[in-house]
Amino acid sequence: MYCENCGRDIDDRAVICPHCGVATGRRDVQTVSQGNVLAIVGFVFSFLIALVGLICSIIGYKKAKNEGAPYGGLALAGIIISSISMGLVLFVYILAISVAV
């Protein structure tokens, strides 16, 4: 395909000419998915603050399941890691209380 403004050869999928910056007139551009930010945030927070990670991961997992958003596996990993972290903390608290009594 050739640019209507400068006449140079450009990619057929181009929306804007890389040489002169003028729009090519293509209208069938697909929007880029923003992804599932909550799944990523939940996974990261599952290592730092388990409760926040668990909540964000659950919301991100539901979004991935219902809307087909990406990173469903990452959200599931955040749920598992947060749950294990919270379980270990609870176990340590119970153990500390039983030893102290």
PDB file of N, CA and C in Angstrom:
ATOM      1  N   MET A   1       0.850  -1.162   0.000  1.00  0.00           N
ATOM      2  CA  MET A   1       0.000   0.000   0.000  1.00  0.00           C
ATOM      3  C   MET A   1       0.900   1.230   0.000  1.00  0.00           C
ATOM      4  N   TYR A   2       0.389   2.294  -0.583  1.00  0.00           N
ATOM      5  CA  TYR A   2       1.146   3.542  -0.665  1.00  0.00           C
ATOM      6  C   TYR A   2       0.414   4.643   0.096  1.00  0.00           C
ATOM      7  N   CYS A   3       1.177   5.488   0.754  1.00  0.00           N
ATOM      8  CA  CYS A   3       0.606   6.607   1.492  1.00  0.00           C
ATOM      9  C   CYS A   3      -0.009   7.602   0.511  1.00  0.00           C
ATOM     10  N   GLU A   4      -1.229   8.051   0.820  1.00  0.00           N
ATOM     11  CA  GLU A   4      -1.901   9.019  -0.054  1.00  0.00           C
ATOM     12  C   GLU A   4      -1.272  10.395   0.030  1.00  0.00           C
ATOM     13  N   ASN A   5      -0.542  10.677   1.119  1.00  0.00           N
ATOM     14  CA  ASN A   5       0.046  11.994   1.311  1.00  0.00           C
ATOM     15  C   ASN A   5       1.445  12.097   0.701  1.00  0.00           C
ATOM     16  N   CYS A   6       2.344  11.162   1.070  1.00  0.00           N
ATOM     17  CA  CYS A   6       3.736  11.267   0.606  1.00  0.00           C
ATOM     18  C   CYS A   6       4.061  10.292  -0.519  1.00  0.00           C
ATOM     19  N   GLY A   7       3.202   9.293  -0.731  1.00  0.00           N
ATOM     20  CA  GLY A   7       3.400   8.355  -1.828  1.00  0.00           C
ATOM     21  C   GLY A   7       4.394   7.237  -1.555  1.00  0.00           C
ATOM     22  N   ARG A   8       4.906   7.159  -0.353  1.00  0.00           N
ATOM     23  CA  ARG A   8       5.879   6.108  -0.039  1.00  0.00           C
ATOM     24  C   ARG A   8       5.172   4.806   0.288  1.00  0.00           C
ATOM     25  N   ASP A   9       5.899   3.709   0.080  1.00  0.00           N
ATOM     26  CA  ASP A   9       5.365   2.373   0.348  1.00  0.00           C
ATOM     27  C   ASP A   9       5.307   2.149   1.852  1.00  0.00           C
ATOM     28  N   ILE A  10       4.114   1.713   2.339  1.00  0.00           N
ATOM     29  CA  ILE A  10       3.932   1.439   3.756  1.00  0.00           C
ATOM     30  C   ILE A  10       3.247   0.093   3.917  1.00  0.00           C
ATOM     31  N   ASP A  11       3.284  -0.426   5.130  1.00  0.00           N
ATOM     32  CA  ASP A  11       2.650  -1.705   5.452  1.00  0.00           C
ATOM     33  C   ASP A  11       1.142  -1.612   5.224  1.00  0.00           C
ATOM     34  N   ASP A  12       0.540  -2.688   4.739  1.00  0.00           N
ATOM     35  CA  ASP A  12      -0.899  -2.710   4.481  1.00  0.00           C
ATOM     36  C   ASP A  12      -1.726  -2.547   5.747  1.00  0.00           C
ATOM     37  N   ARG A  13      -1.160  -2.895   6.894  1.00  0.00           N
ATOM     38  CA  ARG A  13      -1.886  -2.791   8.168  1.00  0.00           C
ATOM     39  C   ARG A  13      -1.692  -1.450   8.848  1.00  0.00           C
ATOM     40  N   ALA A  14      -0.907  -0.556   8.258  1.00  0.00           N
ATOM     41  CA  ALA A  14      -0.588   0.728   8.887  1.00  0.00           C
ATOM     42  C   ALA A  14      -1.819   1.614   8.994  1.00  0.00           C
ATOM     43  N   VAL A  15      -1.954   2.263  10.128  1.00  0.00           N
ATOM     44  CA  VAL A  15      -3.032   3.216  10.351  1.00  0.00           C
ATOM     45  C   VAL A  15      -2.510   4.622  10.110  1.00  0.00           C
ATOM     46  N   ILE A  16      -1.227   4.827  10.421  1.00  0.00           N
ATOM     47  CA  ILE A  16      -0.559   6.106  10.226  1.00  0.00           C
ATOM     48  C   ILE A  16       0.718   5.854   9.439  1.00  0.00           C
ATOM     49  N   CYS A  17       1.008   6.709   8.492  1.00  0.00           N
ATOM     50  CA  CYS A  17       2.236   6.569   7.701  1.00  0.00           C
ATOM     51  C   CYS A  17       3.442   6.813   8.602  1.00  0.00           C
ATOM     52  N   PRO A  18       4.392   5.880   8.646  1.00  0.00           N
ATOM     53  CA  PRO A  18       5.566   6.074   9.504  1.00  0.00           C
ATOM     54  C   PRO A  18       6.518   7.139   8.972  1.00  0.00           C
ATOM     55  N   HIS A  19       6.337   7.559   7.729  1.00  0.00           N
ATOM     56  CA  HIS A  19       7.246   8.531   7.121  1.00  0.00           C
ATOM     57  C   HIS A  19       6.764   9.966   7.312  1.00  0.00           C
ATOM     58  N   CYS A  20       5.465  10.209   7.091  1.00  0.00           N
ATOM     59  CA  CYS A  20       4.957  11.579   7.179  1.00  0.00           C
ATOM     60  C   CYS A  20       3.988  11.792   8.336  1.00  0.00           C
ATOM     61  N   GLY A  21       3.487  10.703   8.939  1.00  0.00           N
ATOM     62  CA  GLY A  21       2.613  10.817  10.107  1.00  0.00           C
ATOM     63  C   GLY A  21       1.150  11.076   9.809  1.00  0.00           C
ATOM     64  N   VAL A  22       0.751  11.016   8.543  1.00  0.00           N
ATOM     65  CA  VAL A  22      -0.647  11.252   8.169  1.00  0.00           C
ATOM     66  C   VAL A  22      -1.420   9.942   8.258  1.00  0.00           C
ATOM     67  N   ALA A  23      -2.690  10.031   8.714  1.00  0.00           N
ATOM     68  CA  ALA A  23      -3.548   8.850   8.820  1.00  0.00           C
ATOM     69  C   ALA A  23      -3.789   8.261   7.433  1.00  0.00           C
ATOM     70  N   THR A  24      -3.827   6.928   7.382  1.00  0.00           N
ATOM     71  CA  THR A  24      -4.006   6.251   6.093  1.00  0.00           C
ATOM     72  C   THR A  24      -5.459   6.088   5.701  1.00  0.00           C
ATOM     73  N   GLY A  25      -6.371   6.277   6.636  1.00  0.00           N
ATOM     74  CA  GLY A  25      -7.778   6.119   6.325  1.00  0.00           C
ATOM     75  C   GLY A  25      -8.336   4.767   6.732  1.00  0.00           C
ATOM     76  N   ARG A  26      -7.500   3.881   7.251  1.00  0.00           N
ATOM     77  CA  ARG A  26      -7.992   2.581   7.730  1.00  0.00           C
ATOM     78  C   ARG A  26      -8.839   2.795   8.958  1.00  0.00           C
ATOM     79  N   ARG A  27      -9.980   2.135   9.001  1.00  0.00           N
ATOM     80  CA  ARG A  27     -10.882   2.276  10.137  1.00  0.00           C
ATOM     81  C   ARG A  27     -11.076   0.971  10.888  1.00  0.00           C
ATOM     82  N   ASP A  28     -10.547  -0.123  10.390  1.00  0.00           N
ATOM     83  CA  ASP A  28     -10.784  -1.439  11.000  1.00  0.00           C
ATOM     84  C   ASP A  28      -9.700  -1.822  11.997  1.00  0.00           C
ATOM     85  N   VAL A  29      -9.303  -0.887  12.809  1.00  0.00           N
ATOM     86  CA  VAL A  29      -8.258  -1.117  13.807  1.00  0.00           C
ATOM     87  C   VAL A  29      -8.886  -1.763  15.039  1.00  0.00           C
ATOM     88  N   GLN A  30      -8.266  -2.815  15.528  1.00  0.00           N
ATOM     89  CA  GLN A  30      -8.750  -3.481  16.735  1.00  0.00           C
ATOM     90  C   GLN A  30      -8.211  -2.758  17.953  1.00  0.00           C
ATOM     91  N   THR A  31      -9.056  -2.651  18.963  1.00  0.00           N
ATOM     92  CA  THR A  31      -8.603  -2.022  20.196  1.00  0.00           C
ATOM     93  C   THR A  31      -7.740  -2.996  20.972  1.00  0.00           C
ATOM     94  N   VAL A  32      -6.745  -2.473  21.630  1.00  0.00           N
ATOM     95  CA  VAL A  32      -5.825  -3.284  22.403  1.00  0.00           C
ATOM     96  C   VAL A  32      -6.424  -3.506  23.787  1.00  0.00           C
ATOM     97  N   SER A  33      -6.437  -4.745  24.224  1.00  0.00           N
ATOM     98  CA  SER A  33      -6.971  -5.076  25.542  1.00  0.00           C
ATOM     99  C   SER A  33      -6.045  -4.535  26.619  1.00  0.00           C
ATOM    100  N   GLN A  34      -6.643  -3.918  27.617  1.00  0.00           N
ATOM    101  CA  GLN A  34      -5.843  -3.377  28.709  1.00  0.00           C
ATOM    102  C   GLN A  34      -5.410  -4.459  29.675  1.00  0.00           C
ATOM    103  N   GLY A  35      -5.950  -5.622  29.535  1.00  0.00           N
ATOM    104  CA  GLY A  35      -5.557  -6.725  30.397  1.00  0.00           C
ATOM    105  C   GLY A  35      -6.301  -6.708  31.713  1.00  0.00           C
ATOM    106  N   ASN A  36      -5.917  -7.597  32.556  1.00  0.00           N
ATOM    107  CA  ASN A  36      -6.568  -7.765  33.847  1.00  0.00           C
ATOM    108  C   ASN A  36      -5.608  -7.273  34.914  1.00  0.00           C
ATOM    109  N   VAL A  37      -5.657  -5.992  35.197  1.00  0.00           N
ATOM    110  CA  VAL A  37      -4.716  -5.364  36.124  1.00  0.00           C
ATOM    111  C   VAL A  37      -4.870  -5.939  37.535  1.00  0.00           C
ATOM    112  N   LEU A  38      -6.112  -6.231  37.931  1.00  0.00           N
ATOM    113  CA  LEU A  38      -6.324  -6.757  39.281  1.00  0.00           C
ATOM    114  C   LEU A  38      -5.666  -8.115  39.478  1.00  0.00           C
ATOM    115  N   ALA A  39      -5.593  -8.918  38.425  1.00  0.00           N
ATOM    116  CA  ALA A  39      -4.922 -10.210  38.538  1.00  0.00           C
ATOM    117  C   ALA A  39      -3.433 -10.016  38.819  1.00  0.00           C
ATOM    118  N   ILE A  40      -2.824  -9.080  38.143  1.00  0.00           N
ATOM    119  CA  ILE A  40      -1.397  -8.810  38.336  1.00  0.00           C
ATOM    120  C   ILE A  40      -1.156  -8.208  39.718  1.00  0.00           C
ATOM    121  N   VAL A  41      -1.981  -7.236  40.094  1.00  0.00           N
ATOM    122  CA  VAL A  41      -1.844  -6.604  41.409  1.00  0.00           C
ATOM    123  C   VAL A  41      -2.059  -7.631  42.522  1.00  0.00           C
ATOM    124  N   GLY A  42      -3.063  -8.487  42.352  1.00  0.00           N
ATOM    125  CA  GLY A  42      -3.325  -9.520  43.348  1.00  0.00           C
ATOM    126  C   GLY A  42      -2.170 -10.485  43.508  1.00  0.00           C
ATOM    127  N   PHE A  43      -1.559 -10.860  42.378  1.00  0.00           N
ATOM    128  CA  PHE A  43      -0.410 -11.769  42.441  1.00  0.00           C
ATOM    129  C   PHE A  43       0.751 -11.124  43.180  1.00  0.00           C
ATOM    130  N   VAL A  44       1.042  -9.876  42.874  1.00  0.00           N
ATOM    131  CA  VAL A  44       2.164  -9.187  43.524  1.00  0.00           C
ATOM    132  C   VAL A  44       1.893  -9.019  45.022  1.00  0.00           C
ATOM    133  N   PHE A  45       0.681  -8.579  45.360  1.00  0.00           N
ATOM    134  CA  PHE A  45       0.355  -8.367  46.769  1.00  0.00           C
ATOM    135  C   PHE A  45       0.223  -9.666  47.548  1.00  0.00           C
ATOM    136  N   SER A  46       0.056 -10.784  46.860  1.00  0.00           N
ATOM    137  CA  SER A  46      -0.026 -12.048  47.590  1.00  0.00           C
ATOM    138  C   SER A  46       1.278 -12.356  48.322  1.00  0.00           C
ATOM    139  N   PHE A  47       2.377 -11.779  47.864  1.00  0.00           N
ATOM    140  CA  PHE A  47       3.670 -11.941  48.543  1.00  0.00           C
ATOM    141  C   PHE A  47       3.886 -10.881  49.621  1.00  0.00           C
ATOM    142  N   LEU A  48       3.246  -9.724  49.476  1.00  0.00           N
ATOM    143  CA  LEU A  48       3.496  -8.611  50.383  1.00  0.00           C
ATOM    144  C   LEU A  48       2.452  -8.510  51.488  1.00  0.00           C
ATOM    145  N   ILE A  49       1.207  -8.338  51.089  1.00  0.00           N
ATOM    146  CA  ILE A  49       0.090  -8.219  52.031  1.00  0.00           C
ATOM    147  C   ILE A  49      -0.954  -9.230  51.573  1.00  0.00           C
ATOM    148  N   ALA A  50      -1.003 -10.351  52.248  1.00  0.00           N
ATOM    149  CA  ALA A  50      -1.784 -11.495  51.763  1.00  0.00           C
ATOM    150  C   ALA A  50      -3.273 -11.194  51.623  1.00  0.00           C
ATOM    151  N   LEU A  51      -3.847 -10.454  52.545  1.00  0.00           N
ATOM    152  CA  LEU A  51      -5.281 -10.174  52.481  1.00  0.00           C
ATOM    153  C   LEU A  51      -5.629  -9.324  51.257  1.00  0.00           C
ATOM    154  N   VAL A  52      -4.835  -8.301  51.008  1.00  0.00           N
ATOM    155  CA  VAL A  52      -5.048  -7.462  49.825  1.00  0.00           C
ATOM    156  C   VAL A  52      -4.843  -8.290  48.557  1.00  0.00           C
ATOM    157  N   GLY A  53      -3.814  -9.126  48.564  1.00  0.00           N
ATOM    158  CA  GLY A  53      -3.561  -9.995  47.418  1.00  0.00           C
ATOM    159  C   GLY A  53      -4.699 -10.960  47.160  1.00  0.00           C
ATOM    160  N   LEU A  54      -5.275 -11.499  48.224  1.00  0.00           N
ATOM    161  CA  LEU A  54      -6.388 -12.431  48.081  1.00  0.00           C
ATOM    162  C   LEU A  54      -7.609 -11.742  47.492  1.00  0.00           C
ATOM    163  N   ILE A  55      -7.938 -10.574  47.989  1.00  0.00           N
ATOM    164  CA  ILE A  55      -9.110  -9.847  47.496  1.00  0.00           C
ATOM    165  C   ILE A  55      -8.938  -9.465  46.027  1.00  0.00           C
ATOM    166  N   CYS A  56      -7.793  -8.883  45.685  1.00  0.00           N
ATOM    167  CA  CYS A  56      -7.548  -8.477  44.300  1.00  0.00           C
ATOM    168  C   CYS A  56      -7.506  -9.686  43.369  1.00  0.00           C
ATOM    169  N   SER A  57      -6.915 -10.773  43.822  1.00  0.00           N
ATOM    170  CA  SER A  57      -6.824 -11.974  42.991  1.00  0.00           C
ATOM    171  C   SER A  57      -8.193 -12.588  42.740  1.00  0.00           C
ATOM    172  N   ILE A  58      -9.055 -12.583  43.742  1.00  0.00           N
ATOM    173  CA  ILE A  58     -10.403 -13.125  43.562  1.00  0.00           C
ATOM    174  C   ILE A  58     -11.178 -12.279  42.554  1.00  0.00           C
ATOM    175  N   ILE A  59     -11.095 -10.968  42.687  1.00  0.00           N
ATOM    176  CA  ILE A  59     -11.789 -10.093  41.745  1.00  0.00           C
ATOM    177  C   ILE A  59     -11.207 -10.265  40.340  1.00  0.00           C
ATOM    178  N   GLY A  60      -9.883 -10.338  40.240  1.00  0.00           N
ATOM    179  CA  GLY A  60      -9.247 -10.534  38.942  1.00  0.00           C
ATOM    180  C   GLY A  60      -9.593 -11.871  38.315  1.00  0.00           C
ATOM    181  N   TYR A  61      -9.710 -12.896  39.141  1.00  0.00           N
ATOM    182  CA  TYR A  61     -10.072 -14.225  38.624  1.00  0.00           C
ATOM    183  C   TYR A  61     -11.505 -14.238  38.108  1.00  0.00           C
ATOM    184  N   LYS A  62     -12.409 -13.597  38.848  1.00  0.00           N
ATOM    185  CA  LYS A  62     -13.803 -13.516  38.394  1.00  0.00           C
ATOM    186  C   LYS A  62     -13.898 -12.739  37.089  1.00  0.00           C
ATOM    187  N   LYS A  63     -13.120 -11.670  36.972  1.00  0.00           N
ATOM    188  CA  LYS A  63     -13.117 -10.874  35.745  1.00  0.00           C
ATOM    189  C   LYS A  63     -12.595 -11.699  34.578  1.00  0.00           C
ATOM    190  N   ALA A  64     -11.543 -12.463  34.817  1.00  0.00           N
ATOM    191  CA  ALA A  64     -10.981 -13.302  33.759  1.00  0.00           C
ATOM    192  C   ALA A  64     -11.963 -14.381  33.333  1.00  0.00           C
ATOM    193  N   LYS A  65     -12.682 -14.918  34.295  1.00  0.00           N
ATOM    194  CA  LYS A  65     -13.623 -15.995  33.996  1.00  0.00           C
ATOM    195  C   LYS A  65     -14.866 -15.474  33.285  1.00  0.00           C
ATOM    196  N   ASN A  66     -15.408 -14.354  33.743  1.00  0.00           N
ATOM    197  CA  ASN A  66     -16.650 -13.827  33.191  1.00  0.00           C
ATOM    198  C   ASN A  66     -16.464 -13.064  31.882  1.00  0.00           C
ATOM    199  N   GLU A  67     -15.418 -12.251  31.803  1.00  0.00           N
ATOM    200  CA  GLU A  67     -15.237 -11.368  30.652  1.00  0.00           C
ATOM    201  C   GLU A  67     -14.194 -11.878  29.663  1.00  0.00           C
ATOM    202  N   GLY A  68     -13.543 -12.959  29.985  1.00  0.00           N
ATOM    203  CA  GLY A  68     -12.503 -13.464  29.099  1.00  0.00           C
ATOM    204  C   GLY A  68     -11.236 -12.628  29.140  1.00  0.00           C
ATOM    205  N   ALA A  69     -11.047 -11.885  30.218  1.00  0.00           N
ATOM    206  CA  ALA A  69      -9.843 -11.071  30.365  1.00  0.00           C
ATOM    207  C   ALA A  69      -8.632 -11.981  30.571  1.00  0.00           C
ATOM    208  N   PRO A  70      -7.451 -11.519  30.183  1.00  0.00           N
ATOM    209  CA  PRO A  70      -6.254 -12.349  30.341  1.00  0.00           C
ATOM    210  C   PRO A  70      -5.795 -12.456  31.792  1.00  0.00           C
ATOM    211  N   TYR A  71      -4.810 -13.283  32.014  1.00  0.00           N
ATOM    212  CA  TYR A  71      -4.131 -13.474  33.299  1.00  0.00           C
ATOM    213  C   TYR A  71      -4.986 -14.187  34.346  1.00  0.00           C
ATOM    214  N   GLY A  72      -5.886 -15.052  33.927  1.00  0.00           N
ATOM    215  CA  GLY A  72      -6.677 -15.826  34.867  1.00  0.00           C
ATOM    216  C   GLY A  72      -5.807 -16.761  35.695  1.00  0.00           C
ATOM    217  N   GLY A  73      -4.783 -17.334  35.077  1.00  0.00           N
ATOM    218  CA  GLY A  73      -3.871 -18.219  35.793  1.00  0.00           C
ATOM    219  C   GLY A  73      -3.061 -17.474  36.835  1.00  0.00           C
ATOM    220  N   LEU A  74      -2.697 -16.250  36.518  1.00  0.00           N
ATOM    221  CA  LEU A  74      -1.949 -15.429  37.473  1.00  0.00           C
ATOM    222  C   LEU A  74      -2.823 -15.081  38.674  1.00  0.00           C
ATOM    223  N   ALA A  75      -4.091 -14.802  38.420  1.00  0.00           N
ATOM    224  CA  ALA A  75      -5.024 -14.526  39.517  1.00  0.00           C
ATOM    225  C   ALA A  75      -5.216 -15.762  40.388  1.00  0.00           C
ATOM    226  N   LEU A  76      -5.324 -16.922  39.757  1.00  0.00           N
ATOM    227  CA  LEU A  76      -5.467 -18.168  40.514  1.00  0.00           C
ATOM    228  C   LEU A  76      -4.226 -18.425  41.368  1.00  0.00           C
ATOM    229  N   ALA A  77      -3.063 -18.165  40.822  1.00  0.00           N
ATOM    230  CA  ALA A  77      -1.830 -18.314  41.599  1.00  0.00           C
ATOM    231  C   ALA A  77      -1.815 -17.349  42.778  1.00  0.00           C
ATOM    232  N   GLY A  78      -2.305 -16.118  42.576  1.00  0.00           N
ATOM    233  CA  GLY A  78      -2.387 -15.150  43.666  1.00  0.00           C
ATOM    234  C   GLY A  78      -3.319 -15.616  44.767  1.00  0.00           C
ATOM    235  N   ILE A  79      -4.439 -16.250  44.370  1.00  0.00           N
ATOM    236  CA  ILE A  79      -5.383 -16.782  45.365  1.00  0.00           C
ATOM    237  C   ILE A  79      -4.722 -17.878  46.188  1.00  0.00           C
ATOM    238  N   ILE A  80      -4.037 -18.781  45.524  1.00  0.00           N
ATOM    239  CA  ILE A  80      -3.391 -19.904  46.213  1.00  0.00           C
ATOM    240  C   ILE A  80      -2.287 -19.411  47.144  1.00  0.00           C
ATOM    241  N   ILE A  81      -1.427 -18.534  46.646  1.00  0.00           N
ATOM    242  CA  ILE A  81      -0.304 -18.039  47.456  1.00  0.00           C
ATOM    243  C   ILE A  81      -0.820 -17.247  48.659  1.00  0.00           C
ATOM    244  N   SER A  82      -1.824 -16.387  48.440  1.00  0.00           N
ATOM    245  CA  SER A  82      -2.386 -15.604  49.551  1.00  0.00           C
ATOM    246  C   SER A  82      -3.018 -16.510  50.595  1.00  0.00           C
ATOM    247  N   SER A  83      -3.740 -17.511  50.143  1.00  0.00           N
ATOM    248  CA  SER A  83      -4.399 -18.431  51.080  1.00  0.00           C
ATOM    249  C   SER A  83      -3.379 -19.195  51.913  1.00  0.00           C
ATOM    250  N   ILE A  84      -2.334 -19.665  51.261  1.00  0.00           N
ATOM    251  CA  ILE A  84      -1.280 -20.391  51.995  1.00  0.00           C
ATOM    252  C   ILE A  84      -0.585 -19.461  52.984  1.00  0.00           C
ATOM    253  N   SER A  85      -0.294 -18.236  52.560  1.00  0.00           N
ATOM    254  CA  SER A  85       0.367 -17.270  53.454  1.00  0.00           C
ATOM    255  C   SER A  85      -0.490 -16.967  54.669  1.00  0.00           C
ATOM    256  N   MET A  86      -1.776 -16.732  54.436  1.00  0.00           N
ATOM    257  CA  MET A  86      -2.668 -16.430  55.550  1.00  0.00           C
ATOM    258  C   MET A  86      -2.834 -17.642  56.460  1.00  0.00           C
ATOM    259  N   GLY A  87      -2.881 -18.833  55.896  1.00  0.00           N
ATOM    260  CA  GLY A  87      -2.970 -20.049  56.693  1.00  0.00           C
ATOM    261  C   GLY A  87      -1.744 -20.255  57.559  1.00  0.00           C
ATOM    262  N   LEU A  88      -0.567 -19.996  57.002  1.00  0.00           N
ATOM    263  CA  LEU A  88       0.663 -20.130  57.786  1.00  0.00           C
ATOM    264  C   LEU A  88       0.731 -19.112  58.915  1.00  0.00           C
ATOM    265  N   VAL A  89       0.312 -17.892  58.630  1.00  0.00           N
ATOM    266  CA  VAL A  89       0.308 -16.866  59.677  1.00  0.00           C
ATOM    267  C   VAL A  89      -0.663 -17.252  60.786  1.00  0.00           C
ATOM    268  N   LEU A  90      -1.835 -17.721  60.424  1.00  0.00           N
ATOM    269  CA  LEU A  90      -2.816 -18.160  61.411  1.00  0.00           C
ATOM    270  C   LEU A  90      -2.276 -19.326  62.237  1.00  0.00           C
ATOM    271  N   PHE A  91      -1.612 -20.268  61.583  1.00  0.00           N
ATOM    272  CA  PHE A  91      -1.015 -21.408  62.277  1.00  0.00           C
ATOM    273  C   PHE A  91       0.044 -20.952  63.272  1.00  0.00           C
ATOM    274  N   VAL A  92       0.894 -20.009  62.875  1.00  0.00           N
ATOM    275  CA  VAL A  92       1.941 -19.504  63.763  1.00  0.00           C
ATOM    276  C   VAL A  92       1.322 -18.778  64.955  1.00  0.00           C
ATOM    277  N   TYR A  93       0.274 -17.966  64.734  1.00  0.00           N
ATOM    278  CA  TYR A  93      -0.395 -17.304  65.847  1.00  0.00           C
ATOM    279  C   TYR A  93      -0.997 -18.292  66.823  1.00  0.00           C
ATOM    280  N   ILE A  94      -1.674 -19.304  66.323  1.00  0.00           N
ATOM    281  CA  ILE A  94      -2.275 -20.319  67.187  1.00  0.00           C
ATOM    282  C   ILE A  94      -1.187 -21.069  67.954  1.00  0.00           C
ATOM    283  N   LEU A  95      -0.092 -21.405  67.290  1.00  0.00           N
ATOM    284  CA  LEU A  95       1.019 -22.093  67.935  1.00  0.00           C
ATOM    285  C   LEU A  95       1.641 -21.209  69.022  1.00  0.00           C
ATOM    286  N   ALA A  96       1.800 -19.926  68.741  1.00  0.00           N
ATOM    287  CA  ALA A  96       2.386 -19.009  69.715  1.00  0.00           C
ATOM    288  C   ALA A  96       1.480 -18.849  70.925  1.00  0.00           C
ATOM    289  N   ILE A  97       0.193 -18.777  70.698  1.00  0.00           N
ATOM    290  CA  ILE A  97      -0.749 -18.656  71.820  1.00  0.00           C
ATOM    291  C   ILE A  97      -0.756 -19.931  72.659  1.00  0.00           C
ATOM    292  N   SER A  98      -0.729 -21.087  72.004  1.00  0.00           N
ATOM    293  CA  SER A  98      -0.760 -22.341  72.763  1.00  0.00           C
ATOM    294  C   SER A  98       0.533 -22.551  73.549  1.00  0.00           C
ATOM    295  N   VAL A  99       1.647 -22.100  73.059  1.00  0.00           N
ATOM    296  CA  VAL A  99       2.910 -22.238  73.772  1.00  0.00           C
ATOM    297  C   VAL A  99       2.956 -21.252  74.931  1.00  0.00           C
ATOM    298  N   ALA A 100       2.411 -20.061  74.744  1.00  0.00           N
ATOM    299  CA  ALA A 100       2.423 -19.031  75.781  1.00  0.00           C
ATOM    300  C   ALA A 100       1.503 -19.399  76.949  1.00  0.00           C
ATOM    301  N   VAL A 101       0.494 -20.178  76.710  1.00  0.00           N
ATOM    302  CA  VAL A 101      -0.469 -20.529  77.782  1.00  0.00           C
ATOM    303  C   VAL A 101       0.026 -21.690  78.520  1.00  0.00           C
TER     304      VAL A 101
END
